[in-house]
Each structure stands twice: as C-alpha cells, then as structure tokens.
Protein backbone atom coordinates (compact mmCIF):
# COMPACT_ATOMS: atom_id res chain seq x y z
CA MET A 1 116.12 103.96 67.58
CA SER A 2 115.07 106.74 69.97
CA VAL A 3 111.39 105.84 69.38
CA LEU A 4 112.04 102.19 70.26
CA TYR A 5 113.96 103.23 73.33
CA GLY A 6 111.11 105.52 74.37
CA ILE A 7 108.61 102.66 73.99
CA TRP A 8 110.85 100.39 76.05
CA VAL A 9 111.31 102.99 78.79
CA TRP A 10 107.52 103.50 78.97
CA PHE A 11 106.89 99.74 79.13
CA ALA A 12 109.63 99.18 81.71
CA SER A 13 108.49 102.11 83.86
CA ASN A 14 104.74 101.45 83.70
CA ILE A 15 104.38 97.69 83.20
CA LEU A 16 107.54 95.61 83.68
CA THR A 17 108.64 97.22 86.94
CA LYS A 18 105.04 97.42 88.23
CA PRO A 19 104.51 93.73 89.05
CA ALA A 20 100.74 94.02 89.51
CA TYR A 21 100.26 95.12 85.89
CA PHE A 22 102.94 92.81 84.54
CA ILE A 23 101.31 89.82 86.26
CA GLY A 24 97.92 91.02 84.98
CA LEU A 25 99.33 91.28 81.44
CA ILE A 26 100.71 87.73 81.67
CA VAL A 27 97.31 86.45 82.83
CA LEU A 28 95.55 88.34 80.02
CA ILE A 29 97.91 86.93 77.36
CA GLY A 30 97.62 83.44 78.84
CA TYR A 31 93.82 83.45 78.71
CA ILE A 32 93.79 84.89 75.18
CA LEU A 33 96.10 82.07 74.06
CA GLN A 34 93.69 79.61 75.68
CA LYS A 35 90.94 81.21 73.55
CA LYS A 36 88.91 82.30 76.56
CA THR A 37 86.12 84.80 75.94
CA TRP A 38 87.09 88.46 76.08
CA TYR A 39 85.15 88.99 79.30
CA ASP A 40 86.76 85.98 81.02
CA SER A 41 90.18 87.23 79.92
CA LEU A 42 89.38 90.72 81.21
CA ALA A 43 88.09 89.31 84.50
CA GLY A 44 91.29 87.29 84.90
CA PHE A 45 93.39 90.40 84.25
CA ILE A 46 91.44 92.40 86.83
CA LYS A 47 91.51 89.67 89.50
CA ALA A 48 95.23 89.06 89.06
CA THR A 49 96.08 92.77 89.05
CA VAL A 50 93.86 93.59 92.03
CA GLY A 51 95.17 90.53 93.89
CA PHE A 52 98.76 91.66 93.44
CA LEU A 53 97.82 95.22 94.41
CA ILE A 54 96.30 93.80 97.61
CA LEU A 55 99.56 91.93 98.23
CA SER A 56 101.45 95.17 97.58
CA VAL A 57 99.31 97.01 100.14
CA GLY A 58 100.19 94.36 102.70
CA SER A 59 103.92 94.23 101.94
CA GLY A 60 104.13 98.01 101.47
CA GLY A 61 102.36 98.57 104.78
CA LEU A 62 104.79 96.28 106.56
CA VAL A 63 107.76 98.16 105.11
CA SER A 64 106.47 101.71 105.61
CA ASN A 65 105.23 100.99 109.13
CA PHE A 66 108.39 99.40 110.45
CA ARG A 67 111.32 100.69 108.38
CA PRO A 68 111.41 104.06 110.30
CA ILE A 69 111.72 102.16 113.58
CA LEU A 70 114.82 100.27 112.43
CA VAL A 71 116.33 103.32 110.72
CA GLY A 72 115.63 105.24 113.93
CA LEU A 73 118.37 103.23 115.65
CA LYS A 74 120.84 104.87 113.27
CA ASP A 75 119.58 108.39 114.04
CA ARG A 76 119.10 107.88 117.76
CA PHE A 77 122.66 106.71 118.38
CA ASN A 78 124.37 108.83 115.69
CA LEU A 79 125.78 105.82 113.86
CA ASP A 80 127.60 106.49 110.61
CA ALA A 81 126.12 103.42 109.00
CA MET A 82 124.59 102.09 105.82
CA VAL A 83 121.13 100.53 105.63
CA ILE A 84 120.74 97.09 104.04
CA ASP A 85 117.54 97.44 102.07
CA PRO A 86 116.75 97.09 98.31
CA TYR A 87 115.49 100.67 98.02
CA PHE A 88 118.41 102.17 99.94
CA GLY A 89 120.67 99.94 97.82
CA GLN A 90 119.21 101.18 94.54
CA ASN A 91 119.55 104.79 95.67
CA ALA A 92 123.17 104.12 96.65
CA VAL A 93 123.94 102.76 93.17
CA GLN A 94 122.26 105.76 91.51
CA SER A 95 124.32 108.12 93.66
CA ALA A 96 127.53 106.20 92.96
CA MET A 97 126.86 106.18 89.19
CA GLU A 98 126.21 109.92 89.17
CA GLY A 99 129.51 110.35 91.01
CA ILE A 100 131.45 108.75 88.12
CA GLY A 101 129.38 110.37 85.37
CA ARG A 102 127.33 107.36 84.27
CA SER A 103 123.64 107.44 83.40
CA PHE A 104 121.19 105.20 85.24
CA SER A 105 119.48 104.58 81.88
CA GLN A 106 122.20 101.99 81.25
CA VAL A 107 120.58 99.91 83.98
CA MET A 108 117.32 99.91 81.98
CA PHE A 109 119.14 98.47 78.97
CA LEU A 110 120.71 95.82 81.20
CA LEU A 111 117.27 94.87 82.54
CA LEU A 112 115.84 94.53 79.03
CA ILE A 113 118.65 92.39 77.58
CA ALA A 114 118.93 90.18 80.69
CA PHE A 115 115.15 89.57 80.68
CA ILE A 116 115.17 88.64 76.98
CA PHE A 117 118.08 86.29 77.67
CA ASN A 118 116.05 84.67 80.47
CA LEU A 119 113.19 84.06 78.01
CA VAL A 120 115.57 82.59 75.42
CA LEU A 121 117.09 80.24 77.99
CA VAL A 122 113.64 78.96 78.94
CA LYS A 123 112.53 78.71 75.31
CA PHE A 124 115.37 76.25 74.69
CA ASN A 125 114.80 74.39 77.94
CA LYS A 126 115.35 70.98 76.37
CA ILE A 127 118.99 72.06 76.08
CA THR A 128 119.37 74.47 79.02
CA LYS A 129 117.04 72.56 81.41
CA LEU A 130 115.75 75.91 82.66
CA ARG A 131 112.02 76.21 83.38
CA ALA A 132 111.43 79.51 85.20
CA VAL A 133 110.61 82.98 83.85
CA PHE A 134 111.53 85.79 86.24
CA THR A 135 108.47 88.07 86.33
CA THR A 136 109.12 90.19 89.45
CA GLY A 137 109.89 93.48 87.71
CA HIS A 138 110.62 95.76 90.67
CA VAL A 139 113.10 93.18 91.98
CA GLN A 140 114.72 92.99 88.53
CA MET A 141 115.26 96.75 88.62
CA GLN A 142 116.93 96.61 92.05
CA GLN A 143 119.12 93.69 91.03
CA ALA A 144 120.07 95.18 87.66
CA ALA A 145 121.29 98.31 89.46
CA THR A 146 123.39 96.43 92.00
CA ALA A 147 124.73 93.92 89.44
CA PHE A 148 125.71 96.82 87.16
CA TRP A 149 127.83 98.39 89.89
CA LEU A 150 129.44 95.13 91.05
CA ILE A 151 130.44 94.07 87.52
CA LEU A 152 131.61 97.59 86.67
CA PHE A 153 133.81 97.38 89.78
CA CYS A 154 135.36 94.16 88.44
CA PHE A 155 135.85 95.31 84.81
CA PRO A 156 136.19 99.11 84.86
CA GLN A 157 138.31 99.12 81.70
CA LEU A 158 135.62 97.67 79.39
CA GLY A 159 133.61 99.76 76.94
CA ASP A 160 129.85 100.14 77.27
CA THR A 161 128.82 97.44 74.76
CA PRO A 162 131.10 94.61 76.00
CA MET A 163 130.21 95.55 79.57
CA LEU A 164 126.48 95.36 78.82
CA ILE A 165 126.89 91.94 77.18
CA ILE A 166 128.80 90.53 80.16
CA MET A 167 126.32 91.96 82.63
CA SER A 168 123.34 90.60 80.71
CA LEU A 169 124.82 87.11 80.48
CA ILE A 170 125.48 86.87 84.20
CA LEU A 171 122.26 88.53 85.36
CA GLY A 172 120.01 86.68 82.89
CA LEU A 173 121.57 83.36 83.90
CA TYR A 174 121.25 84.22 87.59
CA TRP A 175 117.53 84.97 87.15
CA ALA A 176 116.86 81.78 85.21
CA VAL A 177 119.05 79.47 87.30
CA GLY A 178 118.10 80.91 90.69
CA SER A 179 114.34 80.76 90.14
CA ASN A 180 114.72 77.31 88.57
CA LEU A 181 116.33 76.09 91.81
CA THR A 182 113.07 76.81 93.64
CA VAL A 183 110.74 74.93 91.26
CA GLU A 184 110.54 71.49 92.93
CA ILE A 185 110.55 72.80 96.49
CA SER A 186 107.83 75.34 95.62
CA GLN A 187 105.69 72.66 93.98
CA ASP A 188 106.12 70.56 97.12
CA LEU A 189 105.25 73.47 99.42
CA THR A 190 102.15 74.50 97.44
CA ASP A 191 101.10 71.00 96.32
CA GLY A 192 101.43 71.89 92.67
CA GLY A 193 100.77 75.62 92.87
CA GLY A 194 102.39 76.09 89.47
CA PHE A 195 104.86 78.85 90.37
CA CYS A 196 108.33 79.30 91.79
CA VAL A 197 110.12 82.15 93.55
CA ALA A 198 111.80 84.97 91.62
CA HIS A 199 113.17 87.27 94.28
CA GLN A 200 116.33 88.14 96.20
CA GLN A 201 117.02 84.87 98.08
CA MET A 202 116.53 82.10 95.50
CA PHE A 203 119.88 80.39 96.13
CA GLY A 204 119.28 80.86 99.85
CA ILE A 205 115.89 79.13 99.68
CA ALA A 206 117.37 76.17 97.78
CA PHE A 207 120.41 75.94 100.07
CA PHE A 208 118.49 76.08 103.35
CA SER A 209 115.75 73.75 102.06
CA TYR A 210 118.47 71.21 101.25
CA LEU A 211 120.05 71.59 104.70
CA SER A 212 116.64 71.40 106.40
CA LYS A 213 115.87 68.08 104.74
CA LYS A 214 119.36 66.67 105.32
CA ILE A 215 119.73 67.70 108.96
CA PHE A 216 116.15 67.63 110.29
CA GLY A 217 113.96 66.04 107.65
CA ASN A 218 114.36 62.41 108.64
CA LYS A 219 114.05 62.83 112.40
CA LYS A 220 110.81 61.72 114.04
CA ASN A 221 110.79 64.62 116.52
CA SER A 222 111.15 67.27 113.82
CA LYS A 223 107.55 68.43 113.83
CA ARG A 224 106.33 71.17 111.56
CA ILE A 225 105.05 74.33 113.18
CA GLU A 226 101.47 73.59 112.12
CA ASP A 227 101.63 70.17 113.83
CA ILE A 228 102.42 71.66 117.25
CA GLN A 229 99.49 72.39 119.52
CA LEU A 230 100.52 74.37 122.60
CA PRO A 231 98.76 73.56 125.91
CA GLY A 232 97.02 75.80 128.45
CA PHE A 233 97.42 79.56 128.11
CA MET A 234 100.08 78.96 125.46
CA SER A 235 97.30 77.77 123.16
CA ILE A 236 96.65 81.41 122.19
CA PHE A 237 99.86 81.17 120.13
CA ASN A 238 98.23 78.47 118.00
CA GLU A 239 96.27 81.29 116.35
CA ASN A 240 98.47 83.06 113.81
CA MET A 241 96.94 86.52 114.15
CA VAL A 242 97.21 86.46 117.94
CA SER A 243 100.74 85.08 118.08
CA THR A 244 101.95 87.57 115.47
CA ALA A 245 100.49 90.54 117.34
CA ILE A 246 101.87 89.49 120.73
CA LEU A 247 105.36 88.63 119.46
CA MET A 248 105.61 91.84 117.45
CA MET A 249 104.49 93.82 120.50
CA ILE A 250 107.37 92.35 122.48
CA PHE A 251 109.91 92.73 119.67
CA PHE A 252 109.06 96.22 118.42
CA GLY A 253 108.04 97.36 121.88
CA ALA A 254 111.60 96.69 123.05
CA ILE A 255 113.11 98.61 120.09
CA MET A 256 110.74 101.56 120.52
CA ALA A 257 111.45 101.64 124.25
CA VAL A 258 115.18 101.91 123.42
CA LEU A 259 114.49 104.76 121.00
CA GLY A 260 112.31 106.48 123.59
CA LYS A 261 109.11 108.51 123.37
CA ASP A 262 111.02 111.78 122.84
CA TYR A 263 112.54 110.46 119.60
CA PHE A 264 109.13 109.76 118.07
CA ILE A 265 107.89 113.20 119.12
CA GLU A 266 111.00 114.88 117.65
CA THR A 267 110.52 113.06 114.33
CA LYS A 268 106.80 114.01 114.38
CA VAL A 269 105.70 110.38 114.27
CA LEU A 270 103.96 110.84 117.61
CA LYS A 271 102.04 113.94 118.71
CA GLU A 272 102.90 115.73 121.93
CA GLY A 273 100.82 114.31 124.77
CA ALA A 274 99.81 111.14 122.88
CA SER A 275 100.07 107.78 124.65
CA PHE A 276 103.37 106.08 123.83
CA PHE A 277 102.03 102.75 125.11
CA MET A 278 99.07 102.86 122.72
CA TYR A 279 101.38 103.82 119.86
CA VAL A 280 103.44 100.68 120.53
CA VAL A 281 100.27 98.54 120.67
CA ASP A 282 98.86 100.08 117.48
CA THR A 283 102.11 99.65 115.54
CA SER A 284 102.46 96.04 116.63
CA LEU A 285 98.87 95.13 115.78
CA LYS A 286 99.30 96.63 112.32
CA PHE A 287 101.94 93.98 111.64
CA ALA A 288 99.22 91.31 111.94
CA VAL A 289 96.86 93.45 109.82
CA TYR A 290 99.29 93.92 106.94
CA LEU A 291 100.32 90.26 107.05
CA ALA A 292 96.66 89.23 106.74
CA ILE A 293 96.18 91.63 103.81
CA LEU A 294 99.28 90.22 102.11
CA GLN A 295 97.98 86.64 102.44
CA LEU A 296 94.59 87.69 101.01
CA GLY A 297 96.35 89.15 97.98
CA VAL A 298 98.27 85.90 97.47
CA ARG A 299 95.07 83.84 97.42
CA THR A 300 93.48 86.27 94.96
CA PHE A 301 96.10 86.35 92.20
CA VAL A 302 98.00 83.04 92.39
CA THR A 303 95.13 80.91 91.07
CA GLU A 304 94.60 83.20 88.08
CA LEU A 305 98.31 83.26 87.26
CA THR A 306 98.66 79.49 87.52
CA ASN A 307 95.63 78.77 85.34
CA SER A 308 96.46 81.35 82.67
CA PHE A 309 100.17 80.58 82.41
CA GLN A 310 99.28 77.25 80.85
CA GLY A 311 98.34 79.20 77.72
CA ILE A 312 101.81 80.76 77.54
CA SER A 313 103.66 77.55 78.41
CA ASN A 314 101.69 75.48 75.89
CA THR A 315 102.16 78.03 73.10
CA PHE A 316 105.54 79.71 73.53
CA LEU A 317 107.41 78.29 76.52
CA PRO A 318 106.57 74.60 77.00
CA GLY A 319 107.53 73.26 80.41
CA ALA A 320 107.87 76.75 81.91
CA VAL A 321 106.56 78.22 85.16
CA PRO A 322 106.32 81.86 86.30
CA GLY A 323 108.74 83.03 88.97
CA ILE A 324 106.96 85.47 91.29
CA ASP A 325 107.36 87.42 94.53
CA CYS A 326 108.48 85.40 97.56
CA ALA A 327 105.48 86.75 99.49
CA ALA A 328 103.26 84.45 97.40
CA THR A 329 104.54 81.53 99.49
CA TYR A 330 103.11 82.98 102.71
CA GLY A 331 99.67 81.61 101.85
CA PHE A 332 101.01 78.05 102.13
CA GLY A 333 102.30 75.99 105.03
CA SER A 334 102.17 77.44 108.54
CA PRO A 335 101.35 81.15 108.84
CA ASN A 336 103.38 81.20 112.07
CA ALA A 337 106.49 80.23 110.09
CA VAL A 338 106.52 83.78 108.70
CA THR A 339 106.63 85.32 112.18
CA ILE A 340 109.22 82.84 113.48
CA GLY A 341 111.45 83.40 110.46
CA PHE A 342 111.29 87.16 110.92
CA LEU A 343 112.10 87.04 114.64
CA PHE A 344 115.03 84.62 114.39
CA GLY A 345 116.38 86.41 111.31
CA ALA A 346 116.22 89.70 113.22
CA LEU A 347 118.04 88.09 116.14
CA GLY A 348 120.81 86.96 113.78
CA GLN A 349 121.06 90.43 112.22
CA PHE A 350 121.20 92.23 115.57
CA ILE A 351 123.91 89.91 116.93
CA ALA A 352 125.94 90.48 113.74
CA ILE A 353 125.50 94.27 114.00
CA ILE A 354 126.61 94.26 117.65
CA THR A 355 129.65 92.19 116.62
CA LEU A 356 130.57 94.77 113.95
CA LEU A 357 130.31 97.55 116.56
CA LEU A 358 132.47 95.64 119.08
CA LEU A 359 135.09 94.88 116.42
CA LYS A 360 135.05 98.55 115.35
CA SER A 361 134.32 97.58 111.76
CA PRO A 362 134.87 100.38 109.21
CA THR A 363 131.44 99.52 107.79
CA ILE A 364 128.52 99.56 110.23
CA VAL A 365 125.17 98.14 109.14
CA ILE A 366 121.63 99.13 110.06
CA ALA A 367 119.00 96.41 109.68
CA GLY A 368 116.53 97.04 106.87
CA PHE A 369 113.02 95.71 107.18
CA VAL A 370 112.84 94.15 103.69
CA PRO A 371 115.78 91.74 104.11
CA VAL A 372 115.06 90.91 107.73
CA PHE A 373 111.42 90.13 107.00
CA PHE A 374 111.03 88.92 103.42
CA ASP A 375 114.28 86.91 103.25
CA ASN A 376 113.99 85.22 106.60
CA ALA A 377 110.23 84.67 106.60
CA THR A 378 110.51 82.98 103.21
CA ILE A 379 113.44 80.81 104.28
CA ALA A 380 111.47 79.77 107.38
CA VAL A 381 108.42 78.77 105.31
CA TYR A 382 110.53 76.44 103.17
CA ALA A 383 112.71 75.22 106.05
CA ASN A 384 109.61 74.34 108.09
CA ASN A 385 108.18 72.42 105.14
CA LYS A 386 111.37 70.36 104.76
CA GLY A 387 112.70 70.11 108.32
CA GLY A 388 110.13 71.33 110.82
CA VAL A 389 110.20 73.97 113.53
CA LYS A 390 113.91 73.56 114.42
CA ALA A 391 114.92 74.28 110.84
CA ALA A 392 112.51 77.24 110.73
CA MET A 393 114.30 78.78 113.71
CA LEU A 394 117.93 77.89 112.96
CA PHE A 395 118.28 78.80 109.29
CA PRO A 396 116.69 82.28 109.38
CA PHE A 397 119.06 83.03 112.28
CA ILE A 398 122.06 81.94 110.18
CA SER A 399 120.63 83.92 107.26
CA GLY A 400 120.49 87.05 109.42
CA LEU A 401 124.18 86.69 110.26
CA CYS A 402 125.04 86.21 106.57
CA GLN A 403 123.02 89.26 105.50
CA VAL A 404 124.90 91.64 107.81
CA PHE A 405 128.44 90.26 107.57
CA GLY A 406 128.25 89.65 103.82
CA SER A 407 126.75 93.06 103.08
CA ALA A 408 129.30 94.86 105.25
CA LEU A 409 132.18 93.18 103.43
CA ILE A 410 130.98 93.67 99.85
CA ALA A 411 129.48 97.16 100.26
CA GLY A 412 132.63 98.41 101.95
CA ALA A 413 134.84 96.88 99.25
CA VAL A 414 132.95 98.27 96.22
CA GLY A 415 132.23 101.71 97.67
CA LEU A 416 128.46 101.49 98.13
CA ALA A 417 128.68 101.75 101.93
CA ALA A 418 129.87 105.34 101.50
CA ASN A 419 126.67 106.07 99.58
CA GLY A 420 124.47 104.91 102.45
CA GLY A 421 123.02 101.57 101.40
CA TYR A 422 123.29 98.12 99.89
CA LEU A 423 120.68 95.65 98.60
CA GLY A 424 121.50 93.35 101.52
CA MET A 425 119.30 90.33 100.81
CA TRP A 426 120.66 86.77 101.05
CA ASP A 427 121.80 86.10 97.49
CA TRP A 428 123.34 89.57 97.30
CA ALA A 429 125.08 89.21 100.66
CA VAL A 430 126.47 85.72 99.91
CA VAL A 431 126.28 84.60 96.26
CA TRP A 432 127.03 87.88 94.47
CA PRO A 433 129.95 88.80 96.76
CA ILE A 434 131.48 85.44 95.79
CA PHE A 435 130.88 86.26 92.11
CA THR A 436 132.48 89.68 92.61
CA VAL A 437 135.61 88.35 94.31
CA ILE A 438 136.10 85.70 91.60
CA MET A 439 135.71 88.22 88.76
CA LYS A 440 137.85 90.88 90.45
CA TYR A 441 140.82 88.64 91.10
CA ALA A 442 140.53 86.09 88.25
CA GLY A 443 139.33 88.50 85.55
CA PHE A 444 137.82 86.92 82.46
CA ILE A 445 138.81 83.45 83.63
CA GLY A 446 136.73 84.09 86.73
CA LEU A 447 133.86 85.30 84.56
CA ALA A 448 134.04 82.10 82.52
CA ILE A 449 134.04 79.99 85.71
CA ILE A 450 130.88 81.72 86.98
CA LEU A 451 129.07 81.29 83.66
CA VAL A 452 130.04 77.60 83.45
CA VAL A 453 128.91 76.95 87.02
CA LEU A 454 125.55 78.64 86.42
CA ILE A 455 125.05 76.67 83.19
CA LEU A 456 125.93 73.39 84.94
CA ILE A 457 123.54 73.80 87.90
CA PRO A 458 120.30 73.02 85.98
CA GLN A 459 122.11 70.21 84.11
CA LEU A 460 122.98 68.59 87.43
CA GLN A 461 119.41 69.10 88.65
CA TYR A 462 118.13 67.36 85.54
CA ARG A 463 120.53 64.42 85.85
CA LYS A 464 119.19 63.60 89.33
CA HIS A 465 115.71 62.78 88.01
CA PRO A 466 115.46 63.19 84.21
CA ASP A 467 112.19 61.23 83.98
CA THR A 468 110.27 63.58 86.30
CA TYR A 469 112.17 66.87 85.86
CA PHE A 470 109.73 68.48 83.43
CA LEU A 471 106.76 66.42 84.60
CA CYS A 472 106.97 68.28 87.91
CA VAL A 473 105.67 71.45 86.24
CA GLU A 474 103.65 69.90 83.39
CA ASP A 475 101.49 67.49 85.45
CA TYR A 476 102.13 67.62 89.18
CA GLU A 477 99.64 64.87 90.07
CA ALA A 478 101.31 62.49 87.63
CA TYR A 479 104.67 63.59 89.04
CA LYS A 480 103.61 62.69 92.59
CA GLU A 481 102.38 59.28 91.50
CA LYS A 482 105.60 58.53 89.68
CA VAL A 483 107.74 59.65 92.63
CA LYS A 484 105.72 57.40 94.97
CA LYS A 485 106.33 54.38 92.78
CA GLU A 486 110.05 55.09 92.70
C-alpha cells in the first residue's frame, strides 16, 4: 500500500499538479491512441508542454509582477487583513490543518478520489450527461485543500474514511458539473475549439454568460468590444497592446503613487536613487508583455490538445472534452475584453474593500491579483461574446463585489481569515459558501440536497436540447448547421 501511495504522490506532485506535463501526457496518449507515428506523438507532447509552459510564463509573470503591489496596500497601511488568492488560501488551509493536528497528505487522497470520480462520471455520460474532464491539476490541488477545510467545518464529528467519501463526491461532482456548464458557451466563443474551462469560476462564467445574453444579447446597440472603432486620438485604444499598457499605467500608477516611492525602496523592490516614474512605466508595460506571452502559449498548445483528445474521447471517453485553464480563452474574442474585465473587476473589489473598512468589518480583505485578473478577465471574455461591451463592464464589476463580500463572510466563519488567506475566486466566494451554509445547518439532509442539485444540473441542460447536446462536442460544424435549421 505504501508503494502505491508513493507512486501516487510522485505522479500527483510531478505530473498531475504540473499542468504543462499533464496536458502534454494527455496529448501523447491521445496521439498514441490515434496510432500516430512515435515522432509525431513526441512532437505533439513537446509542443503542448512547451505551449503550456509559455502560458505559465505569461500568467506567472502577471502574478509575480503585480501581487506585491496589491499586498503592499496591506503593509503600507498596517491592515490586519487576509489576502484573497489561491496560493494564500492553500497556505491558510495548511496552517489551519497543522493547528488541529491533521496531515495535508489527506488532501492528496481527496484529489485522487475526486479526480477518478470525475472520470467515472464522464465515462457514463449517457446516464450522467457529463462531458468534461477537469485537467487543471494545480487548480485541483487548491480546490481540494479549501473543500477539505469547508467540509471538515461542516462535519467535524465524522471519521477519516466517511469524510473522504463525502468530500470526494461533492468535489468530483463540482469539477464535472462546473466544467460541463462551460461546454456550449466555450464552443461558441472558440468556434468549436474543442475544450471547456476547468478553473475557479465555472459557475460564474455560466451564470454571467446567461445574464449577458438575456439582458444585453438581443439589443441592437449592444456591440462587442471588437466591433467598436474609436475615432481620432482614441483610435490608439483599438490596438490591444497599446490600450493595455496605457490603462495599466493609469491603474497601477495610481496604486504605486499611494504606496509611495519610499515603500518600494524599504522593501528593496526599487534601488535608492532609481527613477520611480520609470519603475511605474516599466511595471505597467510588463503587463502587456506577459499578456502577449500568455496568448502565444494558448495558440501553441490548444490546437495540439484539441486534435489529440479525439483519440481519448473515441477510445475511452466518447463525447468528452478536456477542461483546461481559463487563460486559454484569452486567445479568442476581443483581446481588450481581458483588460476591461480586469479593470472593472478591480473597481468592484476596491469598492467592496472600502465598504468593509467603513463598516468596521471583523474580516478585512486585501485584493489578490489572481482572482481580480483571471476571474474577471475570463467573465468579461464570455460576457462580451454573449452581450457586448456593456456586459463585459457590468458583470466583472459585480463579480468583484461578490469576491470580496463572499470571501470575507465565509473565511471569517470557518476560521481561515485568521490564517491570513482564502481562495477568493468566484465559485469559492459564492457557490461554495452556499454549499457550506446548507451543510452546516441542514447536516446530511443538506449534503443530499447539494448532491441532488449537482446531479440534476446536467440533466436539465440535456433536456433543453437532447438532439444536439453531445453533437456540440462530437461534430461542431454539424451542430451549427442543425441549430441554424431549428
């Protein structure tokens, strides 16, 4: 048993939670199942892995470059606050588990069983109506940690084995159902790209896409961002790289001005005598650089993954699609939607944080870069596709409010705020707090309600269009033709 556990820990640590290599492995297996030559299979593995590593450089650069600026607000004003960020959230769970004498290795078991359950649900998709395999390993690790703590908070009296079973059922269903909710809207966004989103805001994407279409989608003046051509000097904002750099210079320039040059010198980010103005310019321009790198990575690996996954879906998981990082959507639709989503999401977060301060909330939140960027940029991309520029501005703003208020409530209630962080992204600031309240106050009846609701969601999706439900992922061109005729 210890040998098997050791193999699993090695695989989870080196492959499953390293999405570049996990995606590369999926591509390799897919091409082998398609009976491609060994060198074509190897080339596909390398291109997919390198493409995701390029994406990781872009997303990692965004986070590392700008997280210290937002965290600096906490240090500069001596706020006793928690940071909403997946990495701070995972560290908070580890600290909390150590405090009650539990091993973090239990989270690894939860990840394994929940992932296997996700595969089983998709394997029997004719019954479950679930089509998406959650392949974003580092996100699974973060979510498994937070889910472990939330469910433990609700059922502290349970033994390890029953607890693990309950956790795996809920988390595995959440992964399968949440990513499945993004299938049709992702196919529409990418024109049959052959993937869906498996990240931290899957219910949020589906919810805001629905509202975007309902509220703005049928109005003639609801233009998409890419359809708007600005006149005169404003035309420089038609170019994504230029508009991103200028808007980030204004946004981060204002934050860095509030922090002050002395703060950056004290924290050894800026050398004594260096130009503060040029530091602001350089930091802001790097936002455009990392965003361009991220989009290059998307273009490099998505095609390989889509082509190769046919081998897996035809052999083992018919009618299935891979669920991947939300950043993969940034190569589709308007590039400016990413910047607009980030800015309006940040505005929502900052207004919510100021409100908490004014109300003297016992839990104060510091904006984390990962939720404020990756959640809200992704929501804006989908909202723009369904409802145009107004939707792309409104719904990330609402999302920002939800992220702060929801995280403050749940993290304070379950004790993670005292450990300095919470995951903080949309599903975990809205959907999982609802799950937690239901389970805490309704016990096993509440647990049953959650499981039934999650099971029913794909059934209801299927009932809306049973003739095209699986066709959407099996043959998108045929799907579009059939939808047109209807």
